[in-house]
């Protein structure tokens, strides 16, 4: 399975997944750290991929959704965006609703 197929499977199999630099417990850039803080504040489980641990994913991800930077947040298979968009959605309350809906749909399936 090539990297693009793996990414497609990951975003399909996980209702909330963050492609980031580092891990939620040890983010390796400020943008990833702030995105993780917003996700953790919503108290909804999420998956993550440390792009530094998989060079194929690191190289393929910008092509997958035509989004050049990291982190990248996907909810229900759709790219939500990076740090700034995630923080804007968090501050407006939309992120919480989005994440709750994604997790509820997974449980119902």
Protein backbone atom coordinates (compact mmCIF):
# COMPACT_ATOMS: atom_id res chain seq x y z
CA UNK A 1 0.00 0.00 0.00
CA UNK A 2 1.49 3.33 -0.98
CA UNK A 3 1.50 6.40 1.25
CA UNK A 4 -1.55 8.05 -0.34
CA UNK A 5 -3.58 4.85 0.11
CA UNK A 6 -2.45 4.63 3.75
CA UNK A 7 -3.48 8.24 4.38
CA UNK A 8 -6.87 7.62 2.79
CA UNK A 9 -7.37 4.56 5.00
CA UNK A 10 -6.27 6.45 8.13
CA UNK A 11 -8.65 9.38 7.55
CA UNK A 12 -11.47 6.94 6.73
CA UNK A 13 -10.87 4.65 9.74
CA UNK A 14 -10.45 7.43 12.34
CA UNK A 15 -13.26 9.92 12.94
CA UNK A 16 -10.73 12.49 14.22
CA UNK A 17 -7.08 12.29 13.18
CA UNK A 18 -4.30 14.83 13.45
CA UNK A 19 -1.16 14.70 11.33
CA UNK A 20 1.37 16.54 13.42
CA UNK A 21 5.00 17.11 14.24
CA UNK A 22 5.63 14.95 17.29
CA UNK A 23 2.97 13.42 19.51
CA UNK A 24 0.20 14.88 21.68
CA UNK A 25 2.37 14.31 24.76
CA UNK A 26 5.49 15.71 23.08
CA UNK A 27 4.61 18.07 20.22
CA UNK A 28 7.65 19.17 18.25
CA UNK A 29 6.37 22.52 17.01
CA UNK A 30 4.23 25.29 18.44
CA UNK A 31 1.49 24.92 15.84
CA UNK A 32 1.09 21.22 16.62
CA UNK A 33 1.13 22.00 20.35
CA UNK A 34 -1.65 24.60 20.06
CA UNK A 35 -3.76 22.31 17.88
CA UNK A 36 -3.42 19.48 20.41
CA UNK A 37 -4.42 21.86 23.24
CA UNK A 38 -7.63 22.74 21.40
CA UNK A 39 -8.42 19.08 20.73
CA UNK A 40 -7.71 18.05 24.32
CA UNK A 41 -9.88 20.91 25.60
CA UNK A 42 -12.79 19.41 23.66
CA UNK A 43 -12.33 16.15 25.61
CA UNK A 44 -13.00 13.98 22.56
CA UNK A 45 -10.66 11.12 21.67
CA UNK A 46 -8.52 11.63 18.58
CA UNK A 47 -5.88 9.70 16.70
CA UNK A 48 -2.62 11.15 15.52
CA UNK A 49 0.25 10.43 13.17
CA UNK A 50 3.71 11.77 13.93
CA UNK A 51 4.85 12.81 10.46
CA UNK A 52 8.48 12.67 11.61
CA UNK A 53 8.15 8.92 12.14
CA UNK A 54 6.94 8.17 8.60
CA UNK A 55 8.77 9.97 5.81
CA UNK A 56 6.40 8.62 3.14
CA UNK A 57 3.41 10.15 4.95
CA UNK A 58 5.37 13.36 5.51
CA UNK A 59 6.01 13.70 1.77
CA UNK A 60 2.61 12.51 0.53
CA UNK A 61 0.26 14.34 2.91
CA UNK A 62 0.57 17.79 1.29
CA UNK A 63 -0.46 16.19 -2.03
CA UNK A 64 -3.35 14.27 -0.48
CA UNK A 65 -5.48 17.32 0.32
CA UNK A 66 -3.50 20.01 -1.46
CA UNK A 67 -2.55 21.54 1.91
CA UNK A 68 1.17 22.29 2.22
CA UNK A 69 1.67 22.76 5.97
CA UNK A 70 1.41 20.81 9.22
CA UNK A 71 -0.44 20.07 11.37
CA UNK A 72 -3.45 18.86 9.42
CA UNK A 73 -6.70 17.95 11.16
CA UNK A 74 -9.21 15.61 9.54
CA UNK A 75 -12.71 15.01 10.89
CA UNK A 76 -14.94 12.36 9.31
CA UNK A 77 -12.49 12.02 6.44
CA UNK A 78 -12.45 15.71 5.58
CA UNK A 79 -9.56 18.12 5.96
CA UNK A 80 -10.53 20.78 8.47
CA UNK A 81 -7.25 22.68 8.21
CA UNK A 82 -4.20 23.57 10.21
CA UNK A 83 -3.57 25.31 13.50
CA UNK A 84 -5.20 28.69 12.78
CA UNK A 85 -8.42 27.21 11.42
CA UNK A 86 -8.61 24.68 14.26
CA UNK A 87 -8.15 27.43 16.87
CA UNK A 88 -10.78 29.63 15.20
CA UNK A 89 -13.23 26.72 15.19
CA UNK A 90 -12.42 25.97 18.83
CA UNK A 91 -12.99 29.57 19.92
CA UNK A 92 -16.33 29.73 18.10
CA UNK A 93 -17.49 26.40 19.59
CA UNK A 94 -17.77 24.79 16.16
CA UNK A 95 -14.85 22.41 16.77
CA UNK A 96 -16.55 20.90 19.82
CA UNK A 97 -19.74 20.28 17.85
CA UNK A 98 -17.81 18.81 14.91
CA UNK A 99 -15.84 16.43 17.13
CA UNK A 100 -18.86 15.36 19.18
CA UNK A 101 -20.76 14.56 15.98
CA UNK A 102 -17.85 12.57 14.52
CA UNK A 103 -17.45 10.45 17.65
CA UNK A 104 -21.23 9.89 17.98
CA UNK A 105 -21.42 8.70 14.39
CA UNK A 106 -18.57 6.28 14.97
CA UNK A 107 -20.30 4.82 18.04
CA UNK A 108 -23.58 4.45 16.14
CA UNK A 109 -21.92 2.60 13.26
